[in-house]
Amino acid sequence: MYKAWTKPFITLFATRDPVTKGGERMWQKLVPGAAHQNHTKIRGAGHFVQEDKGEEVAQALVAFIRAN
């Protein structure tokens, strides 16, 4: 399913998440819609990135929506 996803797709991963560390590369390679997007690493956030840095996550999502 994701290999055929051509709509815009963004990854937002935390830099201090030991569970998903490096996982963004797989999504960026697998999903065609991820090409040429402004993927973001949220610095200083852990596994619960939305709780650690919710405002930064929201800002990145708003920027993604506006750009697409």
N, C-alpha and C. Protein backbone atom coordinates (compact mmCIF):
# COMPACT_ATOMS: atom_id res chain seq x y z
N MET A 1 0.81 -1.19 0.00
CA MET A 1 0.00 0.00 0.00
C MET A 1 0.86 1.27 0.00
N TYR A 2 1.83 1.33 0.88
CA TYR A 2 2.64 2.55 0.96
C TYR A 2 3.55 2.73 -0.25
N LYS A 3 3.91 1.65 -0.90
CA LYS A 3 4.76 1.75 -2.09
C LYS A 3 4.05 2.44 -3.24
N ALA A 4 2.72 2.52 -3.16
CA ALA A 4 1.93 3.18 -4.19
C ALA A 4 1.43 4.55 -3.76
N TRP A 5 1.80 5.00 -2.56
CA TRP A 5 1.32 6.28 -2.02
C TRP A 5 2.09 7.43 -2.66
N THR A 6 1.41 8.13 -3.57
CA THR A 6 2.07 9.24 -4.28
C THR A 6 1.66 10.60 -3.74
N LYS A 7 0.69 10.64 -2.84
CA LYS A 7 0.31 11.91 -2.21
C LYS A 7 1.44 12.33 -1.27
N PRO A 8 1.53 13.63 -0.95
CA PRO A 8 2.60 14.09 -0.06
C PRO A 8 2.63 13.32 1.26
N PHE A 9 3.84 13.01 1.69
CA PHE A 9 4.07 12.19 2.89
C PHE A 9 5.28 12.75 3.60
N ILE A 10 5.16 12.99 4.89
CA ILE A 10 6.27 13.55 5.65
C ILE A 10 6.61 12.63 6.83
N THR A 11 7.87 12.63 7.21
CA THR A 11 8.28 11.91 8.41
C THR A 11 8.72 12.93 9.45
N LEU A 12 8.29 12.70 10.68
CA LEU A 12 8.70 13.51 11.83
C LEU A 12 9.19 12.54 12.90
N PHE A 13 10.48 12.46 13.07
CA PHE A 13 11.06 11.53 14.04
C PHE A 13 11.84 12.30 15.09
N ALA A 14 11.89 11.75 16.27
CA ALA A 14 12.61 12.36 17.38
C ALA A 14 14.07 11.89 17.38
N THR A 15 14.96 12.78 17.79
CA THR A 15 16.39 12.43 17.79
C THR A 15 16.78 11.56 18.97
N ARG A 16 15.97 11.52 20.03
CA ARG A 16 16.34 10.75 21.22
C ARG A 16 15.43 9.54 21.44
N ASP A 17 14.86 9.02 20.35
CA ASP A 17 13.96 7.87 20.45
C ASP A 17 14.72 6.59 20.13
N PRO A 18 15.01 5.77 21.15
CA PRO A 18 15.75 4.53 20.89
C PRO A 18 14.90 3.47 20.19
N VAL A 19 13.59 3.61 20.20
CA VAL A 19 12.70 2.62 19.60
C VAL A 19 12.65 2.76 18.08
N THR A 20 12.50 4.00 17.59
CA THR A 20 12.34 4.21 16.15
C THR A 20 13.55 4.84 15.48
N LYS A 21 14.64 4.93 16.19
CA LYS A 21 15.84 5.58 15.67
C LYS A 21 16.22 5.06 14.27
N GLY A 22 16.30 5.99 13.33
CA GLY A 22 16.66 5.63 11.96
C GLY A 22 15.51 5.15 11.10
N GLY A 23 14.33 4.98 11.68
CA GLY A 23 13.18 4.47 10.94
C GLY A 23 12.70 5.38 9.83
N GLU A 24 13.02 6.66 9.95
CA GLU A 24 12.58 7.61 8.92
C GLU A 24 13.16 7.27 7.55
N ARG A 25 14.36 6.73 7.52
CA ARG A 25 15.01 6.41 6.23
C ARG A 25 14.20 5.38 5.45
N MET A 26 13.66 4.39 6.14
CA MET A 26 12.86 3.36 5.48
C MET A 26 11.62 3.99 4.85
N TRP A 27 10.91 4.83 5.59
CA TRP A 27 9.69 5.46 5.07
C TRP A 27 10.00 6.40 3.91
N GLN A 28 11.07 7.14 4.03
CA GLN A 28 11.43 8.08 2.97
C GLN A 28 11.80 7.35 1.68
N LYS A 29 12.37 6.18 1.82
CA LYS A 29 12.75 5.38 0.65
C LYS A 29 11.55 4.61 0.08
N LEU A 30 10.68 4.10 0.95
CA LEU A 30 9.57 3.25 0.56
C LEU A 30 8.41 4.01 -0.09
N VAL A 31 8.10 5.20 0.41
CA VAL A 31 6.89 5.91 0.00
C VAL A 31 7.22 6.95 -1.07
N PRO A 32 6.69 6.80 -2.29
CA PRO A 32 6.97 7.76 -3.36
C PRO A 32 6.60 9.20 -3.00
N GLY A 33 5.53 9.39 -2.25
CA GLY A 33 5.09 10.73 -1.87
C GLY A 33 6.03 11.42 -0.90
N ALA A 34 7.00 10.71 -0.37
CA ALA A 34 7.96 11.30 0.57
C ALA A 34 9.08 12.06 -0.14
N ALA A 35 9.20 11.83 -1.44
CA ALA A 35 10.26 12.51 -2.19
C ALA A 35 10.06 14.01 -2.17
N HIS A 36 11.13 14.72 -1.98
CA HIS A 36 11.16 16.18 -2.04
C HIS A 36 10.33 16.86 -0.95
N GLN A 37 10.11 16.17 0.16
CA GLN A 37 9.39 16.77 1.27
C GLN A 37 10.39 17.24 2.32
N ASN A 38 9.94 18.15 3.17
CA ASN A 38 10.78 18.70 4.23
C ASN A 38 10.64 17.83 5.48
N HIS A 39 11.30 16.67 5.47
CA HIS A 39 11.26 15.77 6.61
C HIS A 39 11.97 16.42 7.78
N THR A 40 11.46 16.16 8.97
CA THR A 40 11.96 16.87 10.14
C THR A 40 12.37 15.89 11.23
N LYS A 41 13.49 16.19 11.86
CA LYS A 41 13.89 15.49 13.07
C LYS A 41 13.66 16.47 14.22
N ILE A 42 12.91 16.04 15.20
CA ILE A 42 12.59 16.88 16.34
C ILE A 42 13.70 16.66 17.38
N ARG A 43 14.53 17.65 17.54
CA ARG A 43 15.69 17.56 18.43
C ARG A 43 15.29 17.55 19.90
N GLY A 44 15.91 16.66 20.65
CA GLY A 44 15.71 16.60 22.08
C GLY A 44 14.45 15.87 22.53
N ALA A 45 13.69 15.33 21.59
CA ALA A 45 12.47 14.60 21.94
C ALA A 45 12.75 13.11 21.98
N GLY A 46 11.96 12.41 22.79
CA GLY A 46 12.08 10.97 22.91
C GLY A 46 10.97 10.25 22.15
N HIS A 47 10.65 9.05 22.61
CA HIS A 47 9.68 8.21 21.91
C HIS A 47 8.30 8.86 21.81
N PHE A 48 7.89 9.59 22.83
CA PHE A 48 6.60 10.26 22.80
C PHE A 48 6.81 11.70 22.36
N VAL A 49 7.25 11.84 21.12
CA VAL A 49 7.64 13.13 20.56
C VAL A 49 6.53 14.16 20.68
N GLN A 50 5.29 13.76 20.50
CA GLN A 50 4.17 14.70 20.57
C GLN A 50 3.99 15.24 21.97
N GLU A 51 4.42 14.51 22.98
CA GLU A 51 4.34 14.99 24.35
C GLU A 51 5.56 15.83 24.71
N ASP A 52 6.72 15.41 24.23
CA ASP A 52 7.96 16.12 24.55
C ASP A 52 8.05 17.47 23.84
N LYS A 53 7.67 17.49 22.57
CA LYS A 53 7.85 18.69 21.74
C LYS A 53 6.61 18.92 20.87
N GLY A 54 5.45 18.92 21.48
CA GLY A 54 4.19 19.03 20.75
C GLY A 54 4.10 20.27 19.87
N GLU A 55 4.58 21.40 20.37
CA GLU A 55 4.50 22.63 19.58
C GLU A 55 5.35 22.53 18.31
N GLU A 56 6.53 21.93 18.42
CA GLU A 56 7.38 21.77 17.23
C GLU A 56 6.76 20.79 16.23
N VAL A 57 6.15 19.74 16.73
CA VAL A 57 5.47 18.79 15.85
C VAL A 57 4.35 19.51 15.11
N ALA A 58 3.55 20.27 15.84
CA ALA A 58 2.44 21.01 15.23
C ALA A 58 2.95 22.00 14.18
N GLN A 59 4.02 22.71 14.48
CA GLN A 59 4.58 23.67 13.52
C GLN A 59 5.04 22.97 12.24
N ALA A 60 5.69 21.82 12.40
CA ALA A 60 6.15 21.07 11.23
C ALA A 60 4.98 20.57 10.39
N LEU A 61 3.92 20.13 11.05
CA LEU A 61 2.74 19.65 10.32
C LEU A 61 2.03 20.80 9.60
N VAL A 62 1.93 21.94 10.24
CA VAL A 62 1.30 23.10 9.59
C VAL A 62 2.12 23.51 8.36
N ALA A 63 3.43 23.55 8.49
CA ALA A 63 4.29 23.91 7.36
C ALA A 63 4.12 22.90 6.22
N PHE A 64 4.03 21.61 6.55
CA PHE A 64 3.82 20.56 5.55
C PHE A 64 2.49 20.76 4.82
N ILE A 65 1.44 21.02 5.58
CA ILE A 65 0.11 21.22 4.97
C ILE A 65 0.13 22.45 4.06
N ARG A 66 0.71 23.52 4.52
CA ARG A 66 0.77 24.74 3.70
C ARG A 66 1.58 24.53 2.42
N ALA A 67 2.63 23.74 2.50
CA ALA A 67 3.49 23.51 1.34
C ALA A 67 2.86 22.57 0.31
N ASN A 68 1.88 21.80 0.76
CA ASN A 68 1.29 20.80 -0.11
C ASN A 68 -0.18 21.06 -0.37
